[in-house]
Amino acid sequence: MRIVLLVEGRTEKACTPVLKALLDEVAQVEGRPAVALTARHYRGSRLVDAAAVAIDADSYLRQPDTAGVVVLVDVFPEFPSAAAATDHFRRHLLDDRFRAHCALHDFEAWLLPHWQRLHRLAGRPPRNRSPWPSPERVDRVKPPSHRLRELFAPHRGYEKTRDAPRILQSADDLRVSASKCEQLRLFLNTLLEFAGYHTRL
């Protein structure tokens, strides 16, 4: 069986292996079969075309090996809130195996809990305490991705596909982020549900 992710950014696709690592770890603990995880990257803003995404989801759900389809969209810059992002897809969620989740305000919020690792990768002196104890409250005025660009400059630029997987390296890293990021926790629990596992974060 497989779960299909419909994502809008290169960061999400680059971090798919760590999501799979979490699912595989839970499968081993529970003694259940592992599931495949496929990510489809939508270029530009096509992912926010909810009707088109629903058509794509339906085509996947018609395939017998698909356990579920999850659309993951950033709140920034298209939506004013997490509720608005998920509501945008709600009327198209005609199958319970198709769910919508969002990153508040963008995927990089889920990287912010790993403050010491961020500083090390950015080539900055270590600091023990993050200025962002609630990463998902880092708002659209200067969203998390912009904060990371500032942190990584001028020593080196923040490169999504290079640096995000070096920050979220393991299932335990995901658990740390999920403990501080409600939207991530909800997203991961949907993956666990679709995989048929009992574990929830």
N, C-alpha and C. Protein backbone atom coordinates (compact mmCIF):
# COMPACT_ATOMS: atom_id res chain seq x y z
N MET A 1 0.83 -1.20 0.00
CA MET A 1 0.00 0.00 0.00
C MET A 1 0.87 1.25 0.00
N ARG A 2 0.30 2.36 -0.43
CA ARG A 2 1.05 3.61 -0.46
C ARG A 2 0.16 4.78 -0.05
N ILE A 3 0.83 5.82 0.43
CA ILE A 3 0.19 7.10 0.68
C ILE A 3 0.78 8.09 -0.31
N VAL A 4 -0.08 8.90 -0.91
CA VAL A 4 0.36 9.90 -1.89
C VAL A 4 0.29 11.28 -1.26
N LEU A 5 1.40 12.01 -1.32
CA LEU A 5 1.46 13.39 -0.86
C LEU A 5 1.44 14.32 -2.05
N LEU A 6 0.56 15.31 -2.00
CA LEU A 6 0.52 16.36 -3.02
C LEU A 6 1.07 17.61 -2.37
N VAL A 7 2.25 18.05 -2.79
CA VAL A 7 2.95 19.13 -2.11
C VAL A 7 3.29 20.24 -3.09
N GLU A 8 3.47 21.45 -2.56
CA GLU A 8 3.71 22.60 -3.43
C GLU A 8 5.16 23.03 -3.50
N GLY A 9 6.00 22.51 -2.60
CA GLY A 9 7.35 23.02 -2.54
C GLY A 9 8.41 21.94 -2.63
N ARG A 10 9.62 22.37 -3.00
CA ARG A 10 10.74 21.45 -3.07
C ARG A 10 11.17 20.99 -1.69
N THR A 11 10.92 21.84 -0.68
CA THR A 11 11.31 21.47 0.68
C THR A 11 10.54 20.23 1.13
N GLU A 12 9.24 20.23 0.91
CA GLU A 12 8.41 19.11 1.33
C GLU A 12 8.86 17.81 0.66
N LYS A 13 9.13 17.90 -0.65
CA LYS A 13 9.54 16.70 -1.36
C LYS A 13 10.90 16.21 -0.87
N ALA A 14 11.80 17.14 -0.59
CA ALA A 14 13.13 16.77 -0.11
C ALA A 14 13.07 16.09 1.25
N CYS A 15 12.05 16.41 2.04
CA CYS A 15 11.92 15.85 3.38
C CYS A 15 11.04 14.60 3.43
N THR A 16 10.59 14.13 2.27
CA THR A 16 9.77 12.92 2.25
C THR A 16 10.48 11.72 2.87
N PRO A 17 11.80 11.53 2.67
CA PRO A 17 12.45 10.37 3.29
C PRO A 17 12.34 10.33 4.80
N VAL A 18 12.37 11.48 5.48
CA VAL A 18 12.27 11.45 6.94
C VAL A 18 10.84 11.13 7.37
N LEU A 19 9.85 11.54 6.59
CA LEU A 19 8.47 11.13 6.86
C LEU A 19 8.34 9.62 6.72
N LYS A 20 8.96 9.08 5.68
CA LYS A 20 8.94 7.63 5.48
C LYS A 20 9.66 6.91 6.62
N ALA A 21 10.74 7.52 7.12
CA ALA A 21 11.46 6.91 8.23
C ALA A 21 10.58 6.78 9.47
N LEU A 22 9.76 7.81 9.73
CA LEU A 22 8.83 7.74 10.86
C LEU A 22 7.84 6.60 10.66
N LEU A 23 7.25 6.51 9.47
CA LEU A 23 6.27 5.45 9.20
C LEU A 23 6.92 4.08 9.34
N ASP A 24 8.14 3.94 8.82
CA ASP A 24 8.82 2.64 8.90
C ASP A 24 9.13 2.26 10.34
N GLU A 25 9.53 3.25 11.14
CA GLU A 25 9.84 2.97 12.55
C GLU A 25 8.60 2.50 13.29
N VAL A 26 7.47 3.17 13.06
CA VAL A 26 6.22 2.77 13.71
C VAL A 26 5.78 1.38 13.23
N ALA A 27 5.94 1.13 11.92
CA ALA A 27 5.58 -0.18 11.38
C ALA A 27 6.36 -1.28 12.07
N GLN A 28 7.65 -1.05 12.29
CA GLN A 28 8.49 -2.06 12.95
C GLN A 28 8.06 -2.28 14.39
N VAL A 29 7.79 -1.19 15.11
CA VAL A 29 7.38 -1.29 16.51
C VAL A 29 6.06 -2.04 16.63
N GLU A 30 5.13 -1.76 15.73
CA GLU A 30 3.81 -2.38 15.80
C GLU A 30 3.75 -3.74 15.12
N GLY A 31 4.82 -4.10 14.41
CA GLY A 31 4.82 -5.36 13.69
C GLY A 31 3.85 -5.36 12.53
N ARG A 32 3.74 -4.21 11.87
CA ARG A 32 2.81 -4.06 10.75
C ARG A 32 3.58 -3.88 9.45
N PRO A 33 2.94 -4.12 8.30
CA PRO A 33 3.64 -3.92 7.02
C PRO A 33 3.98 -2.44 6.80
N ALA A 34 5.12 -2.21 6.19
CA ALA A 34 5.50 -0.85 5.82
C ALA A 34 4.67 -0.38 4.64
N VAL A 35 4.47 0.92 4.55
CA VAL A 35 3.76 1.50 3.41
C VAL A 35 4.72 2.38 2.62
N ALA A 36 4.45 2.51 1.33
CA ALA A 36 5.23 3.41 0.49
C ALA A 36 4.69 4.83 0.65
N LEU A 37 5.56 5.79 0.38
CA LEU A 37 5.18 7.20 0.47
C LEU A 37 5.66 7.89 -0.79
N THR A 38 4.71 8.38 -1.59
CA THR A 38 5.01 9.03 -2.86
C THR A 38 4.66 10.50 -2.77
N ALA A 39 5.58 11.38 -3.18
CA ALA A 39 5.32 12.82 -3.17
C ALA A 39 5.26 13.34 -4.59
N ARG A 40 4.18 14.05 -4.90
CA ARG A 40 4.06 14.72 -6.19
C ARG A 40 4.19 16.22 -5.96
N HIS A 41 5.14 16.82 -6.64
CA HIS A 41 5.44 18.24 -6.47
C HIS A 41 4.68 19.05 -7.52
N TYR A 42 3.87 19.98 -7.05
CA TYR A 42 3.14 20.89 -7.95
C TYR A 42 3.96 22.16 -8.13
N ARG A 43 4.25 22.52 -9.33
CA ARG A 43 5.01 23.73 -9.59
C ARG A 43 4.09 24.95 -9.57
N GLY A 44 4.67 26.08 -9.15
CA GLY A 44 3.88 27.31 -9.13
C GLY A 44 2.77 27.23 -8.12
N SER A 45 1.63 27.83 -8.45
CA SER A 45 0.51 27.90 -7.51
C SER A 45 -0.60 26.91 -7.86
N ARG A 46 -0.31 25.91 -8.70
CA ARG A 46 -1.37 25.01 -9.13
C ARG A 46 -1.98 24.24 -7.99
N LEU A 47 -1.22 24.03 -6.92
CA LEU A 47 -1.75 23.26 -5.80
C LEU A 47 -2.95 23.95 -5.16
N VAL A 48 -3.04 25.26 -5.25
CA VAL A 48 -4.17 25.95 -4.61
C VAL A 48 -5.43 25.88 -5.47
N ASP A 49 -5.37 25.27 -6.65
CA ASP A 49 -6.56 25.01 -7.45
C ASP A 49 -7.20 23.74 -6.90
N ALA A 50 -8.07 23.94 -5.92
CA ALA A 50 -8.60 22.80 -5.16
C ALA A 50 -9.35 21.81 -6.04
N ALA A 51 -10.09 22.31 -7.02
CA ALA A 51 -10.84 21.41 -7.88
C ALA A 51 -9.92 20.52 -8.70
N ALA A 52 -8.84 21.09 -9.23
CA ALA A 52 -7.89 20.31 -10.01
C ALA A 52 -7.17 19.29 -9.13
N VAL A 53 -6.82 19.70 -7.92
CA VAL A 53 -6.14 18.79 -6.99
C VAL A 53 -7.06 17.63 -6.62
N ALA A 54 -8.35 17.92 -6.44
CA ALA A 54 -9.31 16.87 -6.10
C ALA A 54 -9.42 15.85 -7.23
N ILE A 55 -9.35 16.32 -8.46
CA ILE A 55 -9.38 15.39 -9.61
C ILE A 55 -8.16 14.49 -9.60
N ASP A 56 -6.99 15.09 -9.33
CA ASP A 56 -5.77 14.28 -9.24
C ASP A 56 -5.87 13.28 -8.10
N ALA A 57 -6.39 13.73 -6.95
CA ALA A 57 -6.53 12.83 -5.80
C ALA A 57 -7.44 11.66 -6.13
N ASP A 58 -8.53 11.96 -6.81
CA ASP A 58 -9.48 10.91 -7.17
C ASP A 58 -8.83 9.87 -8.08
N SER A 59 -7.97 10.33 -8.99
CA SER A 59 -7.30 9.37 -9.88
C SER A 59 -6.38 8.44 -9.10
N TYR A 60 -5.73 8.97 -8.07
CA TYR A 60 -4.90 8.11 -7.22
C TYR A 60 -5.76 7.16 -6.40
N LEU A 61 -6.86 7.67 -5.85
CA LEU A 61 -7.70 6.85 -4.97
C LEU A 61 -8.39 5.72 -5.73
N ARG A 62 -8.50 5.84 -7.03
CA ARG A 62 -9.08 4.76 -7.83
C ARG A 62 -8.10 3.60 -7.99
N GLN A 63 -6.85 3.84 -7.68
CA GLN A 63 -5.86 2.77 -7.77
C GLN A 63 -5.89 1.95 -6.49
N PRO A 64 -5.98 0.65 -6.61
CA PRO A 64 -6.22 -0.21 -5.42
C PRO A 64 -5.11 -0.18 -4.39
N ASP A 65 -3.91 0.28 -4.77
CA ASP A 65 -2.81 0.27 -3.80
C ASP A 65 -2.69 1.58 -3.03
N THR A 66 -3.62 2.52 -3.24
CA THR A 66 -3.56 3.82 -2.57
C THR A 66 -4.38 3.80 -1.30
N ALA A 67 -3.70 3.96 -0.16
CA ALA A 67 -4.40 4.00 1.14
C ALA A 67 -4.99 5.37 1.41
N GLY A 68 -4.37 6.41 0.90
CA GLY A 68 -4.87 7.76 1.12
C GLY A 68 -4.05 8.78 0.36
N VAL A 69 -4.64 9.96 0.19
CA VAL A 69 -3.99 11.09 -0.49
C VAL A 69 -4.05 12.28 0.46
N VAL A 70 -2.90 12.93 0.66
CA VAL A 70 -2.82 14.07 1.57
C VAL A 70 -2.25 15.25 0.80
N VAL A 71 -3.00 16.35 0.78
CA VAL A 71 -2.48 17.58 0.20
C VAL A 71 -1.90 18.41 1.34
N LEU A 72 -0.68 18.91 1.13
CA LEU A 72 0.01 19.72 2.13
C LEU A 72 0.34 21.06 1.49
N VAL A 73 -0.24 22.13 2.02
CA VAL A 73 -0.07 23.46 1.44
C VAL A 73 0.41 24.42 2.52
N ASP A 74 1.25 25.38 2.12
CA ASP A 74 1.67 26.44 3.05
C ASP A 74 0.54 27.44 3.24
N VAL A 75 0.42 27.96 4.43
CA VAL A 75 -0.52 29.07 4.64
C VAL A 75 -0.01 30.33 3.93
N PHE A 76 1.29 30.60 4.04
CA PHE A 76 1.89 31.77 3.40
C PHE A 76 2.27 31.44 1.96
N PRO A 77 1.98 32.26 0.97
CA PRO A 77 1.34 33.57 1.08
C PRO A 77 -0.13 33.59 0.65
N GLU A 78 -0.67 32.42 0.28
CA GLU A 78 -1.99 32.39 -0.35
C GLU A 78 -3.16 32.56 0.63
N PHE A 79 -2.97 32.16 1.89
CA PHE A 79 -4.10 32.08 2.81
C PHE A 79 -3.86 32.93 4.06
N PRO A 80 -4.92 33.48 4.65
CA PRO A 80 -4.75 34.31 5.85
C PRO A 80 -4.57 33.50 7.13
N SER A 81 -4.96 32.21 7.12
CA SER A 81 -4.90 31.41 8.34
C SER A 81 -4.88 29.93 7.99
N ALA A 82 -4.59 29.11 9.00
CA ALA A 82 -4.61 27.66 8.81
C ALA A 82 -6.01 27.18 8.46
N ALA A 83 -7.01 27.75 9.14
CA ALA A 83 -8.40 27.36 8.87
C ALA A 83 -8.78 27.68 7.43
N ALA A 84 -8.36 28.84 6.95
CA ALA A 84 -8.67 29.23 5.58
C ALA A 84 -8.02 28.28 4.58
N ALA A 85 -6.79 27.84 4.89
CA ALA A 85 -6.09 26.93 3.98
C ALA A 85 -6.81 25.59 3.88
N THR A 86 -7.19 25.02 5.01
CA THR A 86 -7.86 23.72 4.97
C THR A 86 -9.30 23.85 4.46
N ASP A 87 -9.97 24.94 4.81
CA ASP A 87 -11.34 25.14 4.32
C ASP A 87 -11.38 25.27 2.80
N HIS A 88 -10.29 25.79 2.22
CA HIS A 88 -10.21 25.95 0.78
C HIS A 88 -10.43 24.62 0.06
N PHE A 89 -10.00 23.54 0.69
CA PHE A 89 -10.12 22.22 0.08
C PHE A 89 -11.34 21.44 0.58
N ARG A 90 -11.97 21.93 1.64
CA ARG A 90 -12.95 21.11 2.34
C ARG A 90 -14.10 20.62 1.45
N ARG A 91 -14.63 21.48 0.62
CA ARG A 91 -15.79 21.05 -0.18
C ARG A 91 -15.42 20.05 -1.26
N HIS A 92 -14.10 19.88 -1.47
CA HIS A 92 -13.64 18.90 -2.46
C HIS A 92 -13.22 17.59 -1.82
N LEU A 93 -13.29 17.51 -0.49
CA LEU A 93 -12.87 16.30 0.21
C LEU A 93 -14.04 15.32 0.28
N LEU A 94 -14.34 14.71 -0.85
CA LEU A 94 -15.52 13.86 -0.95
C LEU A 94 -15.24 12.42 -0.52
N ASP A 95 -13.99 12.10 -0.32
CA ASP A 95 -13.59 10.76 0.12
C ASP A 95 -12.77 10.94 1.39
N ASP A 96 -13.07 10.16 2.43
CA ASP A 96 -12.36 10.32 3.69
C ASP A 96 -10.89 9.96 3.56
N ARG A 97 -10.52 9.34 2.46
CA ARG A 97 -9.10 9.01 2.23
C ARG A 97 -8.36 10.17 1.57
N PHE A 98 -9.02 11.30 1.39
CA PHE A 98 -8.39 12.50 0.86
C PHE A 98 -8.46 13.58 1.93
N ARG A 99 -7.32 14.02 2.42
CA ARG A 99 -7.28 15.00 3.51
C ARG A 99 -6.41 16.20 3.10
N ALA A 100 -6.71 17.34 3.68
CA ALA A 100 -5.91 18.55 3.46
C ALA A 100 -5.27 18.98 4.77
N HIS A 101 -3.97 19.28 4.70
CA HIS A 101 -3.24 19.81 5.84
C HIS A 101 -2.41 21.01 5.39
N CYS A 102 -1.99 21.81 6.36
CA CYS A 102 -1.22 23.00 6.01
C CYS A 102 -0.03 23.16 6.94
N ALA A 103 0.98 23.84 6.41
CA ALA A 103 2.13 24.25 7.22
C ALA A 103 1.92 25.71 7.59
N LEU A 104 2.02 25.99 8.86
CA LEU A 104 1.76 27.34 9.38
C LEU A 104 3.09 27.95 9.88
N HIS A 105 3.58 29.02 9.22
CA HIS A 105 3.02 29.64 8.03
C HIS A 105 3.64 29.07 6.76
N ASP A 106 4.78 28.44 6.89
CA ASP A 106 5.33 27.64 5.80
C ASP A 106 6.11 26.47 6.39
N PHE A 107 6.57 25.58 5.52
CA PHE A 107 7.20 24.34 5.98
C PHE A 107 8.37 24.61 6.93
N GLU A 108 9.08 25.71 6.70
CA GLU A 108 10.26 25.99 7.51
C GLU A 108 9.95 26.21 8.99
N ALA A 109 8.69 26.49 9.34
CA ALA A 109 8.32 26.58 10.76
C ALA A 109 8.66 25.28 11.48
N TRP A 110 8.55 24.17 10.78
CA TRP A 110 8.78 22.87 11.39
C TRP A 110 10.27 22.57 11.56
N LEU A 111 11.12 23.43 11.01
CA LEU A 111 12.56 23.31 11.19
C LEU A 111 13.06 24.13 12.38
N LEU A 112 12.33 25.15 12.76
CA LEU A 112 12.79 26.09 13.78
C LEU A 112 13.05 25.46 15.15
N PRO A 113 12.35 24.39 15.58
CA PRO A 113 12.67 23.82 16.89
C PRO A 113 14.10 23.30 17.02
N HIS A 114 14.78 23.07 15.90
CA HIS A 114 16.12 22.50 15.93
C HIS A 114 17.16 23.62 15.88
N TRP A 115 17.09 24.44 16.91
CA TRP A 115 17.81 25.70 16.95
C TRP A 115 19.33 25.52 16.92
N GLN A 116 19.85 24.61 17.72
CA GLN A 116 21.30 24.40 17.76
C GLN A 116 21.82 23.88 16.42
N ARG A 117 21.08 22.96 15.83
CA ARG A 117 21.50 22.43 14.53
C ARG A 117 21.44 23.51 13.46
N LEU A 118 20.42 24.36 13.50
CA LEU A 118 20.33 25.47 12.56
C LEU A 118 21.56 26.36 12.65
N HIS A 119 21.95 26.69 13.87
CA HIS A 119 23.11 27.56 14.06
C HIS A 119 24.39 26.91 13.55
N ARG A 120 24.52 25.61 13.80
CA ARG A 120 25.72 24.91 13.35
C ARG A 120 25.79 24.90 11.82
N LEU A 121 24.68 24.58 11.17
CA LEU A 121 24.67 24.53 9.71
C LEU A 121 24.85 25.91 9.08
N ALA A 122 24.37 26.93 9.78
CA ALA A 122 24.51 28.29 9.27
C ALA A 122 25.90 28.87 9.51
N GLY A 123 26.74 28.13 10.26
CA GLY A 123 28.07 28.62 10.54
C GLY A 123 28.11 29.72 11.57
N ARG A 124 27.14 29.72 12.47
CA ARG A 124 27.07 30.75 13.51
C ARG A 124 27.44 30.16 14.87
N PRO A 125 27.85 31.02 15.81
CA PRO A 125 28.16 30.52 17.16
C PRO A 125 26.93 29.86 17.78
N PRO A 126 27.13 28.79 18.54
CA PRO A 126 25.99 28.07 19.13
C PRO A 126 25.22 28.93 20.12
N ARG A 127 23.92 28.75 20.11
CA ARG A 127 23.04 29.39 21.09
C ARG A 127 22.08 28.34 21.60
N ASN A 128 21.83 28.36 22.90
CA ASN A 128 21.03 27.30 23.51
C ASN A 128 19.53 27.54 23.42
N ARG A 129 19.12 28.78 23.39
CA ARG A 129 17.68 29.07 23.47
C ARG A 129 17.18 29.70 22.18
N SER A 130 16.11 29.13 21.65
CA SER A 130 15.52 29.67 20.43
C SER A 130 14.67 30.90 20.75
N PRO A 131 14.69 31.90 19.88
CA PRO A 131 13.79 33.04 20.07
C PRO A 131 12.36 32.72 19.65
N TRP A 132 12.15 31.51 19.14
CA TRP A 132 10.82 31.12 18.64
C TRP A 132 10.33 29.87 19.35
N PRO A 133 9.91 29.98 20.61
CA PRO A 133 9.43 28.79 21.34
C PRO A 133 8.15 28.21 20.75
N SER A 134 7.40 29.04 20.01
CA SER A 134 6.18 28.56 19.33
C SER A 134 6.35 28.82 17.84
N PRO A 135 7.00 27.90 17.11
CA PRO A 135 7.38 28.17 15.72
C PRO A 135 6.22 28.52 14.80
N GLU A 136 5.05 27.94 15.05
CA GLU A 136 3.92 28.21 14.15
C GLU A 136 3.31 29.59 14.39
N ARG A 137 3.80 30.31 15.39
CA ARG A 137 3.36 31.69 15.59
C ARG A 137 4.27 32.70 14.90
N VAL A 138 5.33 32.21 14.26
CA VAL A 138 6.16 33.09 13.43
C VAL A 138 5.35 33.40 12.19
N ASP A 139 4.86 34.63 12.10
CA ASP A 139 3.76 34.90 11.19
C ASP A 139 4.19 35.34 9.79
N ARG A 140 3.20 35.76 9.01
CA ARG A 140 3.40 36.09 7.61
C ARG A 140 4.12 37.42 7.41
N VAL A 141 4.26 38.23 8.46
CA VAL A 141 5.02 39.47 8.33
C VAL A 141 6.46 39.14 7.94
N LYS A 142 7.03 38.15 8.59
CA LYS A 142 8.34 37.61 8.22
C LYS A 142 8.28 36.11 8.50
N PRO A 143 7.79 35.34 7.53
CA PRO A 143 7.54 33.91 7.76
C PRO A 143 8.84 33.14 8.02
N PRO A 144 8.70 31.90 8.50
CA PRO A 144 9.88 31.12 8.88
C PRO A 144 10.94 31.00 7.79
N SER A 145 10.52 30.81 6.54
CA SER A 145 11.51 30.68 5.47
C SER A 145 12.36 31.93 5.35
N HIS A 146 11.77 33.10 5.58
CA HIS A 146 12.53 34.35 5.53
C HIS A 146 13.48 34.45 6.72
N ARG A 147 13.04 33.97 7.87
CA ARG A 147 13.91 33.98 9.05
C ARG A 147 15.13 33.10 8.82
N LEU A 148 14.93 31.96 8.17
CA LEU A 148 16.07 31.08 7.91
C LEU A 148 17.04 31.70 6.92
N ARG A 149 16.51 32.39 5.92
CA ARG A 149 17.41 33.07 4.98
C ARG A 149 18.28 34.09 5.71
N GLU A 150 17.69 34.81 6.66
CA GLU A 150 18.46 35.78 7.44
C GLU A 150 19.51 35.08 8.31
N LEU A 151 19.11 33.97 8.93
CA LEU A 151 20.02 33.25 9.82
C LEU A 151 21.22 32.70 9.05
N PHE A 152 20.97 32.20 7.85
CA PHE A 152 22.04 31.57 7.07
C PHE A 152 22.91 32.58 6.33
N ALA A 153 22.46 33.82 6.22
CA ALA A 153 23.27 34.86 5.58
C ALA A 153 24.07 35.56 6.67
N PRO A 154 25.27 36.11 6.38
CA PRO A 154 25.93 36.13 5.07
C PRO A 154 26.88 34.96 4.86
N HIS A 155 27.01 34.06 5.85
CA HIS A 155 28.00 32.99 5.75
C HIS A 155 27.70 32.06 4.58
N ARG A 156 26.42 31.76 4.43
CA ARG A 156 25.99 30.87 3.34
C ARG A 156 24.50 31.05 3.20
N GLY A 157 23.99 30.82 2.04
CA GLY A 157 22.56 30.96 1.84
C GLY A 157 21.81 29.72 2.30
N TYR A 158 20.55 29.90 2.66
CA TYR A 158 19.70 28.76 2.99
C TYR A 158 19.17 28.17 1.69
N GLU A 159 19.47 26.90 1.45
CA GLU A 159 19.01 26.19 0.27
C GLU A 159 18.04 25.11 0.72
N LYS A 160 16.78 25.24 0.31
CA LYS A 160 15.72 24.37 0.81
C LYS A 160 16.05 22.89 0.68
N THR A 161 16.36 22.46 -0.55
CA THR A 161 16.53 21.03 -0.78
C THR A 161 17.81 20.49 -0.17
N ARG A 162 18.79 21.35 0.07
CA ARG A 162 20.03 20.92 0.69
C ARG A 162 19.92 20.91 2.22
N ASP A 163 19.37 21.99 2.77
CA ASP A 163 19.45 22.20 4.22
C ASP A 163 18.29 21.60 5.00
N ALA A 164 17.08 21.61 4.45
CA ALA A 164 15.94 21.08 5.21
C ALA A 164 16.15 19.62 5.61
N PRO A 165 16.61 18.73 4.70
CA PRO A 165 16.83 17.34 5.13
C PRO A 165 17.99 17.20 6.11
N ARG A 166 18.88 18.18 6.17
CA ARG A 166 19.98 18.12 7.13
C ARG A 166 19.53 18.60 8.51
N ILE A 167 18.37 19.25 8.56
CA ILE A 167 17.80 19.71 9.84
C ILE A 167 16.84 18.67 10.38
N LEU A 168 15.92 18.22 9.54
CA LEU A 168 15.02 17.11 9.91
C LEU A 168 15.66 15.82 9.45
N GLN A 169 16.45 15.20 10.29
CA GLN A 169 17.23 14.04 9.89
C GLN A 169 16.61 12.70 10.27
N SER A 170 15.74 12.71 11.26
CA SER A 170 15.28 11.42 11.79
C SER A 170 13.83 11.52 12.27
N ALA A 171 13.27 10.36 12.54
CA ALA A 171 11.92 10.31 13.10
C ALA A 171 11.85 11.05 14.43
N ASP A 172 12.90 10.96 15.23
CA ASP A 172 12.93 11.68 16.50
C ASP A 172 12.90 13.19 16.28
N ASP A 173 13.58 13.67 15.24
CA ASP A 173 13.53 15.10 14.91
C ASP A 173 12.10 15.53 14.59
N LEU A 174 11.38 14.69 13.86
CA LEU A 174 9.98 14.98 13.56
C LEU A 174 9.15 15.04 14.83
N ARG A 175 9.41 14.14 15.76
CA ARG A 175 8.67 14.14 17.02
C ARG A 175 8.93 15.42 17.81
N VAL A 176 10.18 15.88 17.83
CA VAL A 176 10.50 17.13 18.51
C VAL A 176 9.72 18.28 17.89
N SER A 177 9.72 18.36 16.57
CA SER A 177 9.00 19.44 15.90
C SER A 177 7.49 19.33 16.15
N ALA A 178 6.97 18.10 16.09
CA ALA A 178 5.53 17.92 16.29
C ALA A 178 5.10 18.31 17.68
N SER A 179 6.01 18.18 18.66
CA SER A 179 5.66 18.57 20.04
C SER A 179 5.47 20.08 20.18
N LYS A 180 6.00 20.84 19.22
CA LYS A 180 5.89 22.30 19.28
C LYS A 180 5.02 22.87 18.15
N CYS A 181 4.64 22.03 17.21
CA CYS A 181 3.93 22.50 16.01
C CYS A 181 2.66 21.66 15.82
N GLU A 182 1.52 22.22 16.18
CA GLU A 182 0.25 21.49 16.13
C GLU A 182 -0.10 21.03 14.72
N GLN A 183 0.12 21.89 13.72
CA GLN A 183 -0.25 21.52 12.36
C GLN A 183 0.59 20.35 11.86
N LEU A 184 1.85 20.30 12.25
CA LEU A 184 2.69 19.17 11.88
C LEU A 184 2.19 17.90 12.56
N ARG A 185 1.83 18.00 13.83
CA ARG A 185 1.32 16.83 14.55
C ARG A 185 0.07 16.27 13.86
N LEU A 186 -0.84 17.15 13.48
CA LEU A 186 -2.06 16.71 12.80
C LEU A 186 -1.74 16.02 11.48
N PHE A 187 -0.82 16.60 10.73
CA PHE A 187 -0.40 16.04 9.44
C PHE A 187 0.21 14.65 9.63
N LEU A 188 1.12 14.52 10.57
CA LEU A 188 1.77 13.22 10.80
C LEU A 188 0.77 12.17 11.28
N ASN A 189 -0.18 12.58 12.09
CA ASN A 189 -1.18 11.62 12.56
C ASN A 189 -2.07 11.13 11.43
N THR A 190 -2.33 11.98 10.45
CA THR A 190 -3.07 11.52 9.28
C THR A 190 -2.27 10.47 8.51
N LEU A 191 -0.97 10.70 8.35
CA LEU A 191 -0.13 9.70 7.68
C LEU A 191 -0.17 8.38 8.44
N LEU A 192 -0.06 8.44 9.76
CA LEU A 192 -0.10 7.22 10.57
C LEU A 192 -1.45 6.52 10.45
N GLU A 193 -2.51 7.30 10.42
CA GLU A 193 -3.86 6.71 10.26
C GLU A 193 -4.00 6.02 8.92
N PHE A 194 -3.61 6.70 7.85
CA PHE A 194 -3.73 6.10 6.52
C PHE A 194 -2.85 4.86 6.38
N ALA A 195 -1.73 4.84 7.10
CA ALA A 195 -0.85 3.66 7.06
C ALA A 195 -1.46 2.48 7.81
N GLY A 196 -2.51 2.74 8.60
CA GLY A 196 -3.16 1.67 9.34
C GLY A 196 -2.52 1.37 10.68
N TYR A 197 -1.74 2.33 11.20
CA TYR A 197 -1.05 2.13 12.46
C TYR A 197 -1.86 2.70 13.63
N HIS A 198 -1.63 2.18 14.81
CA HIS A 198 -2.33 2.64 16.00
C HIS A 198 -1.66 3.83 16.67
N THR A 199 -0.35 3.97 16.46
CA THR A 199 0.42 5.04 17.10
C THR A 199 -0.06 6.41 16.65
N ARG A 200 -0.13 7.35 17.60
CA ARG A 200 -0.41 8.76 17.31
C ARG A 200 0.58 9.61 18.08
N LEU A 201 0.91 10.75 17.55
CA LEU A 201 1.86 11.65 18.22
C LEU A 201 1.13 12.62 19.11
